[in-house]
Amino acid sequence: MQKSPLEKASFISKLFFSWTTPILRKGYRHHLELSDIYQAPSADSADHLSEKLEREWDREQASKKNPQLIHALRRCFFWRFLFYGILLYLGEVTKAVQPVLLGRIIASYDPENKVERSIAIYLGIGLCLLFIVRTLLLHPAIFGLHRIGMQMRTAMFSLIYKKTLKLSSRVLDKISIGQLVSLLSNNLNKFDEGLALAHFIWIAPLQVTLLMGLLWDLLQFSAFCGLGLLIILVIFQAILGKMMVKYRDQRAAKINERLVITSEIIDNIYSVKAYCWESAMEKMIENLREVELKMTRKAAYMRFFTSSAFFFSGFFVVFLSVLPYTVINGIVLRKIFTTISFCIVLRMSVTRQFPTAVQIWYDSFGMIRKIQDFLQKQEYKVLEYNLMTTGIIMENVTAFWEEGFGELLEKVQQSNGDRKHSSDENNVSFSHLCLVGNPVLKNINLNIEKGEMLAITGSTGSGKTSLLMLILGELEASEGIIKHSGRVSFCSQFSWIMPGTIKENIIFGVSYDEYRYKSVVKACQLQQG
């Protein structure tokens, strides 16, 4: 396979991004076609990235009782992430050095300052070289971090897709298309956007320490007046940020609910049209959309006030830093200009970069936890088929629908087998477990011969569907043996139930009528007992 231009590029070409020149020239001359786009490097391919992360995730699951997806990601991407973070830090350090050189250049215009005037040309050259070094450090670092974010997104996207193919129908029934879309798009896309700023969680404190040291050398105690205002602004931004996160989470929940209902309506549009339910469905979606827009507006107001605090703080930070020193020592032009430059960098670090980094880490851990929970969902269990068996055989089969109950029973049985107790009181048996969970099927014995027709009848909730799920392997048996050849065809019943409670499905957007509601519950055999 032919290598991409990025893989063939030399170190100098990567440093100056000259490997992009051919496609930029081509795009300048005419509209780019799909064939003009560079081939993705092999290191960025979905196959390579998903295989790498899947291997580490399997290793994490095999070695730990409580596997963490963050550890698998760390083993895949940490060292490159750290390398580009160090480059980013060195590039940010040049922003602190720049005001020092600028102050000395300004001081060289003073005829009485002969020392600075004698080296003014060298200071100018140094300032130009500093800009070049900053460019050569920051641009590759930001590009590299964005690329790592893209690789993480691609790897987790592929991992989620592969997991979806393995999920049991029992789990898939609980997951809506809207939830999958939110997981694959809204959550994963933030890795591309935010990873470049994630390093400021540790860069910003180091930057503030360096800048305060330089400001102390210039202004002594006056420097802390401006820092005090910035700290107050950070606390103000933290309060607003917490409120903005709350509104965003509420908005995300409403978006997910709206997507679920919209997807259900589209999938069952024939039923909606047949029963003239368009108005009820439209009203339901409009109500959700109205609440969603309300949360969006509130989050936007919080973002506005946060941004306003950043843009209006510049003048006041410089004013509070310079005023006490000027009152005591008089105006020194060099120190004022240098202080302004320091305060600009300090304000960016304290009020913008550090809060954004904290928010990115908070969101990233939340997203990774969501993806980890999805990756740990129950998979479809492949039954051990016996090709010599022509029919379907069940012997003393017991099954539970409760989440994880089969695993609990298995652990209890294993514990009882490992430990031999002399007293029956210490033995935990199946009858004890029935106190905390009722089996949907208990001690089922069934033998269906090939070609035999059999109808299973019973009231709602008696276990008819559960029996079919046992045969298909969607419901795992806690006890007993199931045998069949594996050649089973299944035609399921088509039913449409809107997301929500039983009551919401019955009243279906109209006013509540208790008599009608109870009549429907009774007719559908949904009463308890």
Protein backbone atom coordinates (compact mmCIF):
# COMPACT_ATOMS: atom_id res chain seq x y z
CA MET A 1 0.00 0.00 0.00
CA GLN A 2 1.28 3.45 -0.95
CA LYS A 3 2.37 5.64 1.94
CA SER A 4 0.64 8.93 2.64
CA PRO A 5 2.57 12.24 2.22
CA LEU A 6 2.72 12.63 6.01
CA GLU A 7 4.46 9.26 6.37
CA LYS A 8 6.95 10.10 3.60
CA ALA A 9 7.63 13.63 4.88
CA SER A 10 11.01 14.41 6.43
CA PHE A 11 11.50 15.94 9.87
CA ILE A 12 11.93 19.44 8.39
CA SER A 13 8.80 18.98 6.26
CA LYS A 14 6.79 17.95 9.32
CA LEU A 15 8.22 20.82 11.36
CA PHE A 16 7.25 23.47 8.78
CA PHE A 17 4.17 21.59 7.45
CA SER A 18 5.55 21.81 3.92
CA TRP A 19 4.05 18.37 3.15
CA THR A 20 0.69 20.15 2.81
CA THR A 21 1.96 22.50 0.06
CA PRO A 22 0.98 20.32 -2.98
CA ILE A 23 -2.67 19.99 -1.95
CA LEU A 24 -2.85 23.71 -1.03
CA ARG A 25 -1.57 24.62 -4.51
CA LYS A 26 -4.03 22.26 -6.13
CA GLY A 27 -6.88 23.69 -4.06
CA TYR A 28 -5.84 27.22 -5.05
CA ARG A 29 -5.99 26.36 -8.76
CA HIS A 30 -9.27 24.42 -8.84
CA HIS A 31 -11.86 22.75 -6.65
CA LEU A 32 -10.55 19.68 -4.88
CA GLU A 33 -11.98 16.29 -5.78
CA LEU A 34 -12.15 13.24 -3.54
CA SER A 35 -9.22 11.71 -5.44
CA ASP A 36 -7.07 14.75 -4.56
CA ILE A 37 -7.34 14.19 -0.81
CA TYR A 38 -4.33 12.57 0.84
CA GLN A 39 -4.57 8.98 1.92
CA ALA A 40 -4.70 8.60 5.70
CA PRO A 41 -1.49 7.32 7.31
CA SER A 42 -1.58 3.68 8.40
CA ALA A 43 -1.18 4.81 12.03
CA ASP A 44 -4.48 6.71 11.71
CA SER A 45 -6.48 3.89 10.11
CA ALA A 46 -9.54 2.66 11.99
CA ASP A 47 -8.39 -0.98 11.74
CA HIS A 48 -5.02 -0.26 13.34
CA LEU A 49 -6.38 2.00 16.09
CA SER A 50 -9.34 -0.19 17.02
CA GLU A 51 -7.17 -3.30 17.14
CA LYS A 52 -4.67 -1.52 19.37
CA LEU A 53 -7.28 -0.20 21.83
CA GLU A 54 -9.28 -3.44 21.77
CA ARG A 55 -6.15 -5.40 22.69
CA GLU A 56 -5.47 -3.11 25.65
CA TRP A 57 -9.11 -3.15 26.74
CA ASP A 58 -9.21 -6.96 26.65
CA ARG A 59 -5.99 -6.98 28.68
CA GLU A 60 -7.56 -4.60 31.19
CA GLN A 61 -10.68 -6.75 31.52
CA ALA A 62 -8.66 -9.94 31.92
CA SER A 63 -6.27 -8.60 34.56
CA LYS A 64 -8.59 -6.60 36.82
CA LYS A 65 -11.90 -7.12 38.57
CA ASN A 66 -12.82 -3.49 38.02
CA PRO A 67 -11.41 -2.63 34.56
CA GLN A 68 -11.00 1.04 33.65
CA LEU A 69 -11.08 2.25 30.05
CA ILE A 70 -8.87 5.21 31.00
CA HIS A 71 -6.01 2.78 31.75
CA ALA A 72 -6.33 1.17 28.31
CA LEU A 73 -6.26 4.62 26.69
CA ARG A 74 -3.24 5.57 28.79
CA ARG A 75 -1.25 2.56 27.55
CA CYS A 76 -2.12 3.42 23.95
CA PHE A 77 -1.59 7.19 23.82
CA PHE A 78 0.03 8.50 27.03
CA TRP A 79 3.68 8.91 26.00
CA ARG A 80 2.94 10.84 22.81
CA PHE A 81 0.36 12.89 24.71
CA LEU A 82 3.03 13.74 27.31
CA PHE A 83 5.66 14.57 24.65
CA TYR A 84 3.42 17.08 22.89
CA GLY A 85 2.41 18.50 26.27
CA ILE A 86 6.06 19.27 27.07
CA LEU A 87 6.44 21.00 23.68
CA LEU A 88 3.31 23.01 24.42
CA TYR A 89 4.69 24.04 27.81
CA LEU A 90 8.00 25.20 26.31
CA GLY A 91 6.06 27.22 23.75
CA GLU A 92 4.01 28.84 26.52
CA VAL A 93 7.19 29.69 28.45
CA THR A 94 8.29 31.87 25.52
CA LYS A 95 5.23 34.05 26.18
CA ALA A 96 6.65 34.86 29.61
CA VAL A 97 10.12 35.60 28.23
CA GLN A 98 8.81 37.94 25.52
CA PRO A 99 7.79 40.81 27.90
CA VAL A 100 11.26 40.71 29.49
CA LEU A 101 12.96 41.29 26.12
CA LEU A 102 10.33 43.87 25.17
CA GLY A 103 10.94 45.80 28.41
CA ARG A 104 14.67 45.88 27.82
CA ILE A 105 14.17 47.08 24.23
CA ILE A 106 11.94 49.92 25.52
CA ALA A 107 14.58 50.76 28.12
CA SER A 108 17.21 51.08 25.35
CA TYR A 109 15.45 54.23 24.08
CA ASP A 110 16.49 56.00 27.28
CA PRO A 111 19.68 57.93 26.46
CA GLU A 112 20.93 57.48 30.00
CA ASN A 113 20.63 53.68 29.84
CA LYS A 114 23.88 52.95 28.03
CA VAL A 115 23.95 49.23 28.87
CA GLU A 116 20.62 48.51 27.18
CA ARG A 117 21.42 50.75 24.21
CA SER A 118 24.66 48.89 23.56
CA ILE A 119 22.85 45.54 23.15
CA ALA A 120 19.57 46.82 21.63
CA ILE A 121 20.25 45.16 18.26
CA TYR A 122 20.86 41.82 19.93
CA LEU A 123 17.68 42.20 21.97
CA GLY A 124 15.71 42.79 18.75
CA ILE A 125 17.26 39.73 17.11
CA GLY A 126 16.51 37.71 20.23
CA LEU A 127 12.87 38.82 20.14
CA CYS A 128 12.55 37.72 16.49
CA LEU A 129 14.17 34.36 17.24
CA LEU A 130 11.81 33.94 20.19
CA PHE A 131 8.80 34.26 17.87
CA ILE A 132 10.31 31.66 15.53
CA VAL A 133 10.99 29.23 18.38
CA ARG A 134 7.45 29.70 19.70
CA THR A 135 6.01 28.91 16.27
CA LEU A 136 8.18 25.81 15.88
CA LEU A 137 7.10 24.58 19.31
CA LEU A 138 3.41 25.46 19.49
CA HIS A 139 2.19 24.51 16.01
CA PRO A 140 3.58 20.93 15.94
CA ALA A 141 2.41 20.44 19.54
CA ILE A 142 -1.16 21.56 18.82
CA PHE A 143 -1.25 19.53 15.59
CA GLY A 144 0.04 16.46 17.40
CA LEU A 145 -2.51 16.80 20.21
CA HIS A 146 -5.36 17.24 17.74
CA ARG A 147 -4.15 14.14 15.90
CA ILE A 148 -4.07 12.11 19.14
CA GLY A 149 -7.61 13.28 19.88
CA MET A 150 -8.70 12.14 16.43
CA GLN A 151 -7.02 8.76 16.96
CA MET A 152 -8.72 8.30 20.34
CA ARG A 153 -12.09 9.18 18.83
CA THR A 154 -11.60 6.77 15.92
CA ALA A 155 -10.44 3.92 18.18
CA MET A 156 -13.36 4.30 20.59
CA PHE A 157 -15.83 4.73 17.73
CA SER A 158 -14.69 1.40 16.28
CA LEU A 159 -14.75 -0.24 19.71
CA ILE A 160 -18.34 0.91 20.30
CA TYR A 161 -19.38 -0.32 16.84
CA LYS A 162 -17.88 -3.77 17.44
CA LYS A 163 -19.52 -3.94 20.85
CA THR A 164 -22.91 -3.07 19.34
CA LEU A 165 -22.68 -6.13 17.07
CA LYS A 166 -22.15 -8.38 20.11
CA LEU A 167 -24.90 -7.04 22.39
CA SER A 168 -27.82 -9.25 23.26
CA SER A 169 -31.28 -8.18 22.12
CA ARG A 170 -32.18 -7.79 25.79
CA VAL A 171 -29.61 -5.01 26.10
CA LEU A 172 -30.36 -3.53 22.68
CA ASP A 173 -34.02 -3.15 23.62
CA LYS A 174 -32.94 -0.76 26.38
CA ILE A 175 -30.67 1.31 24.12
CA SER A 176 -32.28 3.78 21.75
CA ILE A 177 -30.86 5.04 18.48
CA GLY A 178 -30.70 8.50 20.04
CA GLN A 179 -28.46 7.22 22.82
CA LEU A 180 -26.10 5.61 20.32
CA VAL A 181 -26.01 8.78 18.20
CA SER A 182 -25.26 10.85 21.30
CA LEU A 183 -22.53 8.42 22.34
CA LEU A 184 -20.87 8.30 18.92
CA SER A 185 -21.16 11.96 17.91
CA ASN A 186 -21.70 14.39 20.77
CA ASN A 187 -19.39 12.63 23.21
CA LEU A 188 -16.55 11.43 20.98
CA ASN A 189 -16.24 14.62 18.94
CA LYS A 190 -15.12 16.50 22.04
CA PHE A 191 -11.83 14.59 22.04
CA ASP A 192 -10.85 16.35 18.79
CA GLU A 193 -11.86 19.75 20.09
CA GLY A 194 -10.52 19.70 23.62
CA LEU A 195 -7.42 17.55 23.85
CA ALA A 196 -5.10 20.38 22.77
CA LEU A 197 -6.14 22.40 25.83
CA ALA A 198 -6.11 19.53 28.33
CA HIS A 199 -2.44 20.09 29.25
CA PHE A 200 -3.21 23.52 30.69
CA ILE A 201 -4.41 21.77 33.83
CA TRP A 202 -0.72 21.68 34.83
CA ILE A 203 0.80 24.25 32.44
CA ALA A 204 -1.34 27.13 33.74
CA PRO A 205 -0.23 26.83 37.43
CA LEU A 206 3.43 26.67 36.35
CA GLN A 207 2.89 29.65 34.05
CA VAL A 208 1.26 31.66 36.85
CA THR A 209 4.11 30.84 39.23
CA LEU A 210 6.69 31.99 36.67
CA LEU A 211 4.80 35.19 35.83
CA MET A 212 4.24 36.11 39.47
CA GLY A 213 7.95 35.68 40.12
CA LEU A 214 8.76 38.07 37.25
CA LEU A 215 6.07 40.54 38.35
CA TRP A 216 7.39 40.43 41.92
CA ASP A 217 10.81 41.37 40.59
CA LEU A 218 9.20 44.35 38.85
CA LEU A 219 6.50 45.57 41.25
CA GLN A 220 7.07 43.76 44.57
CA PHE A 221 3.85 43.41 46.61
CA SER A 222 1.77 45.40 44.04
CA ALA A 223 1.80 42.37 41.72
CA PHE A 224 -0.51 40.46 44.07
CA CYS A 225 -3.27 43.08 43.77
CA GLY A 226 -3.90 42.07 40.15
CA LEU A 227 -3.60 38.38 41.02
CA GLY A 228 -6.19 38.82 43.78
CA LEU A 229 -8.69 40.18 41.25
CA LEU A 230 -7.98 37.25 38.92
CA ILE A 231 -8.60 34.77 41.74
CA ILE A 232 -11.96 36.43 42.48
CA LEU A 233 -12.82 36.16 38.77
CA VAL A 234 -11.87 32.48 38.75
CA ILE A 235 -14.21 31.80 41.69
CA PHE A 236 -16.94 33.73 39.87
CA GLN A 237 -16.31 31.71 36.71
CA ALA A 238 -16.34 28.44 38.68
CA ILE A 239 -19.82 29.23 40.04
CA LEU A 240 -21.07 30.14 36.58
CA GLY A 241 -19.38 27.05 35.09
CA LYS A 242 -21.09 24.77 37.60
CA MET A 243 -24.46 26.26 36.69
CA MET A 244 -23.67 25.95 32.99
CA VAL A 245 -22.80 22.24 33.41
CA LYS A 246 -26.11 21.64 35.20
CA TYR A 247 -28.07 23.29 32.38
CA ARG A 248 -26.05 21.42 29.75
CA ASP A 249 -26.73 18.06 31.41
CA GLN A 250 -30.45 18.82 31.59
CA ARG A 251 -30.38 19.86 27.94
CA ALA A 252 -28.55 16.67 26.93
CA ALA A 253 -31.18 14.57 28.72
CA LYS A 254 -33.98 16.33 26.87
CA ILE A 255 -32.17 16.00 23.53
CA ASN A 256 -31.77 12.28 24.12
CA GLU A 257 -35.44 11.94 25.06
CA ARG A 258 -36.50 13.86 21.96
CA LEU A 259 -34.29 11.75 19.69
CA VAL A 260 -35.70 8.55 21.17
CA ILE A 261 -39.31 9.59 20.61
CA THR A 262 -38.59 10.97 17.12
CA SER A 263 -36.87 7.74 16.15
CA GLU A 264 -39.79 5.69 17.45
CA ILE A 265 -42.29 7.81 15.51
CA ILE A 266 -40.31 7.50 12.26
CA ASP A 267 -39.90 3.74 12.68
CA ASN A 268 -43.64 3.34 13.26
CA ILE A 269 -44.96 6.08 10.99
CA TYR A 270 -47.57 3.73 9.50
CA SER A 271 -49.23 3.28 12.89
CA VAL A 272 -49.08 7.02 13.59
CA LYS A 273 -50.78 7.80 10.26
CA ALA A 274 -53.30 4.98 10.55
CA TYR A 275 -54.58 6.11 13.96
CA CYS A 276 -54.24 9.88 13.27
CA TRP A 277 -51.75 10.39 16.10
CA GLU A 278 -49.80 13.16 14.31
CA SER A 279 -51.10 15.98 16.56
CA ALA A 280 -50.35 14.12 19.79
CA MET A 281 -46.84 13.22 18.60
CA GLU A 282 -46.17 16.76 17.39
CA LYS A 283 -47.27 18.24 20.71
CA MET A 284 -45.07 15.78 22.62
CA ILE A 285 -41.96 16.70 20.58
CA GLU A 286 -42.72 20.44 20.75
CA ASN A 287 -42.93 20.31 24.55
CA LEU A 288 -39.56 18.55 24.76
CA ARG A 289 -38.04 20.99 22.27
CA GLU A 290 -39.32 23.96 24.26
CA VAL A 291 -37.69 22.68 27.46
CA GLU A 292 -34.50 21.92 25.50
CA LEU A 293 -34.33 25.48 24.11
CA LYS A 294 -34.95 26.87 27.60
CA MET A 295 -31.94 24.97 28.94
CA THR A 296 -29.89 26.07 25.90
CA ARG A 297 -30.67 29.74 26.59
CA LYS A 298 -29.74 29.41 30.27
CA ALA A 299 -26.43 27.72 29.39
CA ALA A 300 -25.76 30.49 26.82
CA TYR A 301 -26.34 33.19 29.45
CA MET A 302 -23.80 31.54 31.76
CA ARG A 303 -21.30 31.32 28.90
CA PHE A 304 -21.87 35.00 28.10
CA PHE A 305 -21.16 36.13 31.67
CA THR A 306 -18.07 33.89 31.82
CA SER A 307 -16.68 35.37 28.60
CA SER A 308 -17.53 38.88 29.74
CA ALA A 309 -15.51 38.38 32.91
CA PHE A 310 -12.51 37.47 30.78
CA PHE A 311 -12.72 40.37 28.31
CA PHE A 312 -13.45 43.09 30.88
CA SER A 313 -10.86 41.94 33.39
CA GLY A 314 -7.82 43.07 31.37
CA PHE A 315 -7.92 46.76 32.21
CA PHE A 316 -8.70 46.25 35.92
CA VAL A 317 -5.95 43.66 36.41
CA VAL A 318 -3.32 46.00 34.93
CA PHE A 319 -4.74 48.98 36.81
CA LEU A 320 -4.66 47.25 40.21
CA SER A 321 -1.16 45.89 39.56
CA VAL A 322 0.39 49.20 38.47
CA LEU A 323 -1.47 51.70 40.66
CA PRO A 324 0.08 50.91 44.08
CA TYR A 325 3.60 50.80 42.61
CA THR A 326 3.07 54.07 40.67
CA VAL A 327 1.76 55.89 43.75
CA ILE A 328 4.82 54.88 45.79
CA ASN A 329 7.63 54.94 43.20
CA GLY A 330 6.33 57.07 40.33
CA ILE A 331 5.81 56.15 36.67
CA VAL A 332 8.49 53.97 35.07
CA LEU A 333 7.63 53.48 31.37
CA ARG A 334 9.58 50.25 30.97
CA LYS A 335 7.93 48.59 33.93
CA ILE A 336 4.43 49.66 32.90
CA PHE A 337 4.75 48.19 29.39
CA THR A 338 6.32 45.02 30.75
CA THR A 339 3.59 44.69 33.40
CA ILE A 340 0.87 45.07 30.75
CA SER A 341 2.41 42.23 28.71
CA PHE A 342 2.73 40.02 31.79
CA CYS A 343 -0.86 40.71 32.84
CA ILE A 344 -2.21 39.80 29.40
CA VAL A 345 -0.52 36.39 29.58
CA LEU A 346 -1.49 35.98 33.24
CA ARG A 347 -5.14 36.80 32.53
CA MET A 348 -5.27 34.26 29.70
CA SER A 349 -3.79 31.54 31.90
CA VAL A 350 -5.96 32.16 34.96
CA THR A 351 -9.35 33.08 33.49
CA ARG A 352 -9.42 31.16 30.21
CA GLN A 353 -6.89 28.33 29.84
CA PHE A 354 -7.04 26.79 33.33
CA PRO A 355 -10.88 26.82 33.69
CA THR A 356 -11.22 25.40 30.17
CA ALA A 357 -8.74 22.62 30.97
CA VAL A 358 -10.63 21.73 34.16
CA GLN A 359 -13.88 21.60 32.19
CA ILE A 360 -12.27 19.41 29.50
CA TRP A 361 -10.97 16.90 32.02
CA TYR A 362 -14.32 16.81 33.78
CA ASP A 363 -16.19 16.21 30.51
CA SER A 364 -13.61 13.70 29.28
CA PHE A 365 -13.80 11.54 32.40
CA GLY A 366 -17.59 11.64 32.19
CA MET A 367 -17.53 10.59 28.53
CA ILE A 368 -15.04 7.80 29.17
CA ARG A 369 -17.20 6.48 32.02
CA LYS A 370 -20.24 6.42 29.73
CA ILE A 371 -18.33 4.57 27.03
CA GLN A 372 -16.89 2.17 29.62
CA ASP A 373 -20.37 1.39 30.94
CA PHE A 374 -21.50 0.67 27.38
CA LEU A 375 -18.51 -1.59 26.69
CA GLN A 376 -19.28 -3.60 29.84
CA LYS A 377 -22.88 -4.36 28.88
CA GLN A 378 -23.96 -7.96 28.52
CA GLU A 379 -23.08 -9.62 25.23
CA TYR A 380 -24.99 -12.23 23.30
CA LYS A 381 -23.97 -15.62 24.66
CA VAL A 382 -23.34 -18.21 21.97
CA LEU A 383 -24.81 -21.54 23.01
CA GLU A 384 -22.87 -24.76 22.64
CA TYR A 385 -24.75 -26.43 19.83
CA ASN A 386 -24.91 -30.21 19.30
CA LEU A 387 -25.26 -31.10 15.63
CA MET A 388 -26.30 -34.65 16.61
CA THR A 389 -29.43 -33.25 18.30
CA THR A 390 -32.36 -32.95 15.91
CA GLY A 391 -34.89 -31.38 18.29
CA ILE A 392 -34.86 -29.05 21.27
CA ILE A 393 -34.18 -30.44 24.75
CA MET A 394 -34.37 -28.64 28.10
CA GLU A 395 -33.56 -30.33 31.37
CA ASN A 396 -34.30 -28.66 34.74
CA VAL A 397 -33.77 -25.16 33.33
CA THR A 398 -34.12 -22.13 35.62
CA ALA A 399 -33.62 -18.52 34.48
CA PHE A 400 -33.86 -15.00 35.88
CA TRP A 401 -34.45 -11.70 34.08
CA GLU A 402 -32.83 -9.68 36.89
CA GLU A 403 -29.56 -8.04 35.85
CA GLY A 404 -26.57 -10.09 36.94
CA PHE A 405 -28.64 -12.66 38.86
CA GLY A 406 -27.26 -15.57 36.86
CA GLU A 407 -23.70 -14.51 37.75
CA LEU A 408 -24.70 -14.19 41.44
CA LEU A 409 -26.12 -17.71 41.48
CA GLU A 410 -23.04 -19.08 39.76
CA LYS A 411 -20.74 -17.47 42.35
CA VAL A 412 -22.83 -18.80 45.23
CA GLN A 413 -22.80 -22.31 43.80
CA GLN A 414 -19.04 -22.14 43.26
CA SER A 415 -18.55 -20.85 46.82
CA ASN A 416 -20.65 -23.69 48.21
CA GLY A 417 -18.65 -26.20 46.18
CA ASP A 418 -15.32 -24.85 47.41
CA ARG A 419 -16.29 -24.72 51.06
CA LYS A 420 -17.70 -27.76 52.82
CA HIS A 421 -19.78 -26.68 55.76
CA SER A 422 -20.80 -29.08 58.48
CA SER A 423 -24.02 -27.20 59.23
CA ASP A 424 -26.87 -26.74 56.76
CA GLU A 425 -27.54 -23.29 58.19
CA ASN A 426 -24.40 -21.95 56.53
CA ASN A 427 -25.24 -23.27 53.07
CA VAL A 428 -26.71 -20.71 50.66
CA SER A 429 -28.98 -22.59 48.26
CA PHE A 430 -31.30 -21.71 45.40
CA SER A 431 -34.25 -21.48 47.77
CA HIS A 432 -32.44 -18.72 49.71
CA LEU A 433 -31.85 -16.75 46.50
CA CYS A 434 -35.54 -16.89 45.66
CA LEU A 435 -36.07 -14.54 48.58
CA VAL A 436 -34.27 -11.75 46.69
CA GLY A 437 -35.17 -12.65 43.09
CA ASN A 438 -37.98 -14.65 41.55
CA PRO A 439 -37.09 -16.89 38.58
CA VAL A 440 -39.06 -16.21 35.41
CA LEU A 441 -38.71 -19.92 34.56
CA LYS A 442 -38.06 -22.66 37.11
CA ASN A 443 -37.27 -26.36 36.60
CA ILE A 444 -38.41 -26.40 32.97
CA ASN A 445 -38.24 -29.77 31.17
CA LEU A 446 -39.04 -29.70 27.47
CA ASN A 447 -38.45 -32.04 24.54
CA ILE A 448 -39.57 -30.95 21.06
CA GLU A 449 -38.86 -33.36 18.23
CA LYS A 450 -37.96 -32.29 14.71
CA GLY A 451 -41.08 -31.50 12.67
CA GLU A 452 -43.34 -31.33 15.72
CA MET A 453 -45.77 -28.39 16.02
CA LEU A 454 -46.27 -27.03 19.51
CA ALA A 455 -48.29 -24.03 20.77
CA ILE A 456 -47.45 -22.48 24.14
CA THR A 457 -50.24 -20.50 25.79
CA GLY A 458 -50.45 -18.50 28.97
CA SER A 459 -51.35 -15.15 30.47
CA THR A 460 -49.26 -12.02 30.15
CA GLY A 461 -45.96 -12.40 32.01
CA SER A 462 -46.19 -16.16 32.40
CA GLY A 463 -42.90 -16.77 30.57
CA LYS A 464 -43.80 -17.55 26.95
CA THR A 465 -41.36 -15.03 25.47
CA SER A 466 -38.74 -15.96 28.07
CA LEU A 467 -38.89 -19.59 26.92
CA LEU A 468 -38.20 -18.52 23.33
CA MET A 469 -35.37 -16.26 24.52
CA LEU A 470 -33.83 -19.26 26.29
CA ILE A 471 -33.83 -21.28 23.08
CA LEU A 472 -32.25 -18.40 21.15
CA GLY A 473 -29.62 -17.75 23.83
CA GLU A 474 -30.86 -14.22 24.61
CA LEU A 475 -31.78 -15.31 28.15
CA GLU A 476 -29.02 -17.13 30.00
CA ALA A 477 -30.04 -20.16 32.05
CA SER A 478 -28.93 -20.10 35.68
CA GLU A 479 -29.39 -23.86 36.05
CA GLY A 480 -30.07 -26.78 33.75
CA ILE A 481 -29.10 -27.89 30.24
CA ILE A 482 -30.31 -26.67 26.84
CA LYS A 483 -29.56 -28.70 23.70
CA HIS A 484 -30.36 -28.05 20.06
CA SER A 485 -28.55 -28.17 16.74
CA GLY A 486 -28.31 -24.43 16.27
CA ARG A 487 -30.47 -24.42 13.14
CA VAL A 488 -33.38 -22.41 14.55
CA SER A 489 -35.57 -19.89 12.71
CA PHE A 490 -37.40 -17.23 14.67
CA CYS A 491 -40.20 -14.88 13.57
CA SER A 492 -40.96 -12.36 16.29
CA GLN A 493 -44.17 -10.49 17.00
CA PHE A 494 -44.14 -6.83 15.92
CA SER A 495 -45.32 -4.43 18.58
CA TRP A 496 -44.84 -0.73 19.17
CA ILE A 497 -44.45 0.70 22.66
CA MET A 498 -43.53 4.36 23.06
CA PRO A 499 -40.65 5.17 25.43
CA GLY A 500 -42.12 5.97 28.83
CA THR A 501 -44.32 4.42 31.50
CA ILE A 502 -47.27 2.08 30.95
CA LYS A 503 -49.60 4.90 31.92
CA GLU A 504 -48.08 7.25 29.31
CA ASN A 505 -48.50 4.58 26.62
CA ILE A 506 -52.16 4.11 27.52
CA ILE A 507 -53.30 7.75 27.78
CA PHE A 508 -51.06 8.66 24.79
CA GLY A 509 -50.93 12.42 25.19
CA VAL A 510 -54.63 12.96 25.96
CA SER A 511 -56.18 13.97 29.29
CA TYR A 512 -56.24 11.30 31.98
CA ASP A 513 -59.49 9.37 32.34
CA GLU A 514 -59.28 7.03 35.34
CA TYR A 515 -62.17 4.78 34.23
CA ARG A 516 -60.77 4.34 30.72
CA TYR A 517 -57.24 3.81 32.05
CA LYS A 518 -58.31 1.06 34.49
CA SER A 519 -60.45 -0.57 31.80
CA VAL A 520 -57.46 -0.78 29.44
CA VAL A 521 -55.23 -2.18 32.20
CA LYS A 522 -57.83 -4.85 32.96
CA ALA A 523 -58.42 -5.72 29.29
CA CYS A 524 -54.66 -6.12 28.70
CA GLN A 525 -54.27 -8.29 31.84
CA LEU A 526 -51.79 -5.84 33.35
CA GLN A 527 -53.23 -6.01 36.85
CA GLN A 528 -51.05 -7.40 39.62
CA GLY A 529 -51.97 -10.74 41.19
